[in-house]
Protein backbone atom coordinates (compact mmCIF):
# COMPACT_ATOMS: atom_id res chain seq x y z
CA MET A 1 -6.52 22.81 8.73
CA PRO A 2 -5.72 18.98 8.20
CA VAL A 3 -9.15 18.49 6.51
CA MET A 4 -8.41 21.43 3.87
CA PHE A 5 -5.26 19.43 3.05
CA PHE A 6 -6.88 16.33 2.95
CA MET A 7 -9.52 17.36 0.66
CA THR A 8 -6.77 18.95 -1.73
CA THR A 9 -4.83 15.71 -1.76
CA MET A 10 -7.83 13.68 -2.56
CA VAL A 11 -8.75 16.12 -5.83
CA LEU A 12 -4.85 16.01 -7.04
CA TYR A 13 -4.49 12.14 -6.25
CA LEU A 14 -8.17 11.96 -8.51
CA ALA A 15 -6.52 14.24 -11.18
CA GLY A 16 -3.29 12.18 -11.25
CA THR A 17 -4.86 9.06 -11.41
CA ALA A 18 -7.13 10.01 -14.35
CA PHE A 19 -4.25 11.19 -16.19
CA SER A 20 -1.67 8.03 -15.60
CA LEU A 21 -5.01 5.68 -16.88
CA ALA A 22 -5.29 7.75 -19.93
CA TYR A 23 -1.65 7.55 -20.47
CA LEU A 24 -1.92 3.86 -20.20
CA LEU A 25 -4.39 4.24 -23.44
CA ARG A 26 -2.62 6.63 -25.31
CA ARG A 27 0.60 7.27 -26.76
CA SER A 28 1.25 10.49 -25.38
CA GLU A 29 4.25 11.00 -23.10
CA ALA A 30 2.83 14.32 -21.93
CA LEU A 31 0.05 12.49 -19.84
CA SER A 32 2.61 11.02 -17.85
CA LYS A 33 4.65 14.08 -17.19
CA VAL A 34 1.37 15.83 -16.16
CA SER A 35 0.23 13.21 -14.03
CA LEU A 36 3.82 13.06 -12.22
CA GLY A 37 3.37 16.86 -11.58
CA VAL A 38 -0.14 16.52 -10.14
CA THR A 39 0.87 13.74 -8.11
CA GLY A 40 3.94 15.17 -6.89
CA ILE A 41 1.64 18.51 -5.58
CA GLY A 42 -0.89 16.12 -4.02
CA PHE A 43 1.86 14.43 -2.17
CA ILE A 44 3.13 17.78 -0.69
CA SER A 45 -0.38 18.41 0.34
CA HIS A 46 -0.82 14.79 1.68
CA THR A 47 2.35 15.39 3.58
CA LEU A 48 1.12 18.86 5.14
CA ALA A 49 -1.83 17.16 5.87
CA LEU A 50 -0.09 14.29 8.01
CA ILE A 51 2.05 17.10 9.73
CA THR A 52 -0.65 19.38 10.81
CA ARG A 53 -2.64 16.07 12.04
CA VAL A 54 0.47 15.18 14.17
CA MET A 55 0.31 18.87 15.46
CA ALA A 56 -3.66 18.71 16.15
CA ALA A 57 -3.28 15.01 17.69
CA ASP A 58 -0.08 15.85 19.57
CA HIS A 59 0.90 12.22 18.56
CA VAL A 60 1.75 10.18 15.66
CA PRO A 61 -1.38 9.91 13.58
CA LEU A 62 -1.81 6.44 13.25
CA ALA A 63 -4.07 5.84 16.23
CA SER A 64 -7.36 5.15 13.94
CA PHE A 65 -8.34 3.59 10.87
CA HIS A 66 -8.54 6.65 9.21
CA GLU A 67 -5.08 7.85 10.00
CA ALA A 68 -3.81 4.09 8.91
CA LEU A 69 -5.30 4.33 5.75
CA SER A 70 -4.09 7.59 4.76
CA PHE A 71 -0.50 6.93 5.79
CA PHE A 72 -0.67 3.99 3.55
CA SER A 73 -2.01 6.07 0.53
CA TRP A 74 1.00 8.48 1.48
CA ALA A 75 3.61 5.68 1.47
CA LEU A 76 2.24 4.07 -1.52
CA VAL A 77 2.61 7.44 -3.43
CA LEU A 78 6.17 7.77 -1.98
CA VAL A 79 7.34 4.67 -3.48
CA PHE A 80 5.84 5.43 -6.71
CA LEU A 81 7.37 8.82 -6.91
CA GLY A 82 10.73 7.28 -5.82
CA VAL A 83 10.67 4.70 -8.57
CA GLU A 84 9.17 6.94 -11.27
CA LEU A 85 12.12 9.15 -10.47
CA ARG A 86 15.09 7.11 -10.55
CA HIS A 87 13.85 4.37 -12.94
CA ARG A 88 11.19 6.46 -14.96
CA ILE A 89 8.72 3.79 -15.17
CA HIS A 90 5.69 5.77 -16.19
CA VAL A 91 3.54 2.90 -16.40
CA LEU A 92 3.78 2.09 -12.86
CA GLY A 93 1.56 5.15 -12.01
CA SER A 94 -1.44 3.67 -13.66
CA PHE A 95 -1.54 0.85 -11.34
CA ILE A 96 -0.15 2.29 -8.13
CA LEU A 97 -1.90 5.49 -8.36
CA PRO A 98 -5.60 4.09 -8.35
CA LEU A 99 -4.50 1.95 -5.26
CA ALA A 100 -3.38 4.95 -3.43
CA LEU A 101 -6.64 6.66 -4.33
CA ILE A 102 -9.04 3.87 -3.26
CA SER A 103 -7.15 3.74 0.16
CA LEU A 104 -7.39 7.69 0.47
CA LEU A 105 -11.29 7.58 -0.58
CA SER A 106 -11.77 4.67 2.28
CA ALA A 107 -10.00 6.83 4.68
CA ALA A 108 -12.33 9.78 4.09
CA ALA A 109 -15.26 7.48 4.44
CA LEU A 110 -14.10 6.79 7.82
CA PRO A 111 -14.49 8.49 11.28
CA LYS A 112 -12.01 11.80 11.18
CA GLU A 113 -11.95 12.92 14.49
CA VAL A 114 -8.58 12.81 16.38
CA PRO A 115 -8.62 10.08 19.07
CA THR A 116 -7.38 10.72 22.64
CA LEU A 117 -4.85 8.10 23.61
CA GLU A 118 -4.00 6.44 26.75
CA PRO A 119 -0.52 6.78 27.84
CA VAL A 120 -0.27 3.48 27.48
CA LEU A 121 -0.97 3.22 23.91
CA ARG A 122 1.14 6.27 22.96
CA THR A 123 3.95 3.68 21.26
CA VAL A 124 1.39 1.69 19.20
CA TRP A 125 2.31 3.81 16.07
CA VAL A 126 5.42 1.95 15.87
CA HIS A 127 3.73 -1.18 15.42
CA VAL A 128 1.30 0.12 13.06
CA THR A 129 3.98 2.12 10.97
CA LEU A 130 5.91 -1.27 10.47
CA SER A 131 2.84 -3.00 9.72
CA ILE A 132 1.75 -0.43 7.08
CA LEU A 133 5.23 -0.27 5.56
CA GLY A 134 5.26 -3.89 5.37
CA THR A 135 2.21 -4.14 3.37
CA VAL A 136 2.95 -1.45 1.12
CA GLY A 137 5.64 -3.93 0.02
CA PHE A 138 3.19 -6.55 -0.54
CA ALA A 139 1.09 -3.74 -2.64
CA VAL A 140 4.07 -2.95 -4.77
CA ALA A 141 4.41 -6.94 -5.41
CA PHE A 142 0.88 -7.42 -6.39
CA VAL A 143 1.13 -4.53 -8.69
CA ALA A 144 3.94 -6.17 -10.11
CA GLY A 145 2.10 -9.47 -10.30
CA ILE A 146 -0.54 -7.83 -11.97
CA MET A 147 1.54 -6.31 -14.83
CA TYR A 148 3.67 -9.39 -15.08
CA LEU A 149 0.17 -11.55 -15.92
CA ILE A 150 -1.14 -8.85 -18.26
CA GLN A 151 2.45 -8.49 -20.21
CA ASP A 152 2.56 -12.13 -20.10
CA GLY A 153 -0.72 -12.68 -21.68
CA LEU A 154 0.05 -10.02 -24.54
CA LEU A 155 3.21 -11.84 -25.36
CA LYS A 156 1.56 -15.21 -25.63
CA SER A 157 -1.37 -13.78 -27.53
CA LYS A 158 1.03 -12.01 -29.52
CA ARG A 159 -0.82 -8.56 -29.34
CA PHE A 160 1.82 -6.04 -29.25
CA ASN A 161 -0.33 -2.84 -28.53
CA ILE A 162 0.06 0.24 -26.71
CA LEU A 163 -0.28 -1.26 -23.53
CA TYR A 164 2.48 -3.74 -24.25
CA THR A 165 5.21 -1.08 -25.50
CA LYS A 166 4.69 0.68 -21.90
CA LEU A 167 4.94 -2.07 -19.43
CA PRO A 168 8.41 -3.23 -18.38
CA PRO A 169 9.94 -6.48 -19.63
CA LEU A 170 8.91 -9.98 -17.63
CA ASP A 171 12.37 -10.30 -15.95
CA TYR A 172 12.22 -6.78 -14.49
CA LEU A 173 8.44 -7.24 -13.14
CA ASP A 174 9.82 -10.57 -11.41
CA TYR A 175 12.40 -8.84 -9.95
CA LEU A 176 10.33 -6.04 -8.59
CA ASN A 177 7.74 -8.82 -7.31
CA GLN A 178 10.74 -10.44 -5.54
CA GLN A 179 12.33 -7.31 -3.96
CA SER A 180 9.34 -6.02 -2.75
CA ILE A 181 8.42 -9.16 -0.93
CA VAL A 182 12.12 -9.31 0.49
CA LEU A 183 11.66 -5.54 1.72
CA GLY A 184 7.93 -5.83 2.96
CA PHE A 185 8.35 -9.12 4.96
CA PRO A 186 10.93 -8.06 7.79
CA LEU A 187 8.71 -4.87 8.01
CA LEU A 188 5.54 -6.86 8.82
CA THR A 189 7.73 -9.23 10.82
CA LEU A 190 8.89 -6.21 13.02
CA GLY A 191 5.43 -4.85 12.92
CA ILE A 192 3.77 -8.14 14.59
CA ILE A 193 6.79 -8.17 17.08
CA THR A 194 6.16 -4.72 18.40
CA GLY A 195 2.35 -5.31 18.46
CA ALA A 196 2.74 -8.28 20.54
CA LEU A 197 5.18 -6.19 23.17
CA SER A 198 2.43 -3.21 22.75
CA ALA A 199 -0.12 -5.60 23.83
CA GLU A 200 1.84 -6.87 26.75
CA PHE A 201 2.53 -3.66 27.88
CA ALA A 202 -0.76 -2.39 27.71
CA ARG A 203 -3.13 -5.61 28.51
CA GLY A 204 -0.53 -8.14 30.10
CA SER A 205 -0.62 -10.52 27.12
CA TYR A 206 1.35 -10.76 24.13
CA LEU A 207 -1.19 -12.93 21.95
CA ASN A 208 -4.88 -12.68 22.54
CA TRP A 209 -5.64 -14.72 19.45
CA ASN A 210 -8.44 -12.63 18.35
CA PRO A 211 -9.39 -12.45 14.64
CA GLU A 212 -6.97 -9.46 14.00
CA GLN A 213 -3.96 -11.20 15.42
CA THR A 214 -4.93 -14.32 13.99
CA TRP A 215 -5.27 -13.18 10.48
CA ALA A 216 -2.24 -11.20 10.93
CA LEU A 217 -0.12 -14.61 12.04
CA VAL A 218 -1.79 -16.20 8.82
CA THR A 219 -0.65 -13.20 6.63
CA TRP A 220 2.71 -13.81 7.92
CA VAL A 221 2.81 -17.46 7.28
CA PHE A 222 1.79 -17.10 3.68
CA TYR A 223 4.09 -14.48 2.70
CA PHE A 224 6.95 -16.41 4.57
CA VAL A 225 6.03 -19.16 2.30
CA VAL A 226 6.14 -17.55 -0.65
CA LEU A 227 9.34 -15.70 0.18
CA MET A 228 11.04 -19.09 1.05
CA GLY A 229 9.74 -20.55 -2.21
CA ARG A 230 11.49 -17.75 -4.24
CA LEU A 231 14.67 -17.77 -2.31
CA THR A 232 15.19 -21.49 -2.08
CA VAL A 233 12.75 -23.57 -4.35
CA GLY A 234 13.17 -20.92 -7.21
CA TRP A 235 9.29 -19.79 -7.58
CA ARG A 236 9.16 -17.44 -10.33
CA ALA A 237 7.21 -15.72 -13.00
CA LYS A 238 3.57 -16.55 -13.23
CA ARG A 239 3.19 -18.84 -9.92
CA ALA A 240 4.72 -15.92 -8.07
CA ALA A 241 2.42 -13.40 -9.72
CA TYR A 242 -0.51 -15.28 -9.03
CA LEU A 243 0.61 -16.05 -5.18
CA THR A 244 1.29 -12.19 -4.23
CA ILE A 245 -2.07 -11.26 -5.83
CA ILE A 246 -3.87 -13.91 -3.85
CA GLY A 247 -1.85 -12.92 -0.51
CA PHE A 248 -2.58 -9.07 -0.65
CA ALA A 249 -6.20 -9.85 -1.39
CA GLY A 250 -6.07 -11.62 1.71
CA VAL A 251 -4.59 -8.63 3.32
CA VAL A 252 -7.16 -6.28 2.09
CA LEU A 253 -10.10 -8.72 3.36
CA THR A 254 -8.56 -8.90 6.74
CA PHE A 255 -8.30 -5.14 6.86
CA ILE A 256 -12.01 -4.87 5.76
CA GLY A 257 -12.93 -7.16 8.68
CA VAL A 258 -11.49 -5.33 11.13
CA VAL A 259 -12.75 -2.13 10.15
CA LEU A 260 -16.30 -3.42 10.06
CA LYS A 261 -15.81 -4.94 13.56
CA GLY A 262 -14.50 -1.74 14.91
CA HIS A 263 -17.03 0.76 13.28
CA GLY A 264 -19.96 -1.26 12.44
CA PRO A 265 -21.52 -2.30 9.09
CA VAL A 266 -21.68 1.65 8.10
CA ALA A 267 -18.13 1.97 8.08
């Protein structure tokens, strides 16, 4: 049953992404409505996939890379639906949905077996959930940064085309970038803290200084500097956009490295 819902979700997210990208290049507002409807149905299917996975595993489904990537995709779509329904920023789906689809496709390429957890690791889902939600915040900041740079380039080149009319104003994109980091950073911080506590409980050591933990701390320090720069020094606009893009690229490369280490070159 989880597999059926998962495959249905992939098809619906693929369709929703296709419609959202078509909306990016055409003036038809109907495309955004179709994309929203298809993605909404896909989100329901995705939620059912996660629920049935919980029932099959008898634990929160965040113990494997497949489960973590699937949850990341689900959380991204949740953010998109929430922002879309509240602020009606249709173009946001053209940037977030491809990211969610890539995450789900990556999850599909990884082993889907339900892992059996030792009792000592039953609470690891708290650390994973907080870390993923923090990463979702950074992903939205990344998307806002990309949209900012595109809109800024269109303005400077005076290319007032279809894309220009659909992208939000620069001030709003800068605000979205900052707020996403403000929300994502505390969640990542809590994720690192709970991860250290879980490691102490399971292995008797808060930090092992393995590559995963080291890069998690490097990521934390990077976003701490960015956040402090935004809140105290006043880093804004293009500099903040570039930094959040670089930061999220580092997050992605770190995760790829962890997956390759855990599952071998094929995965």
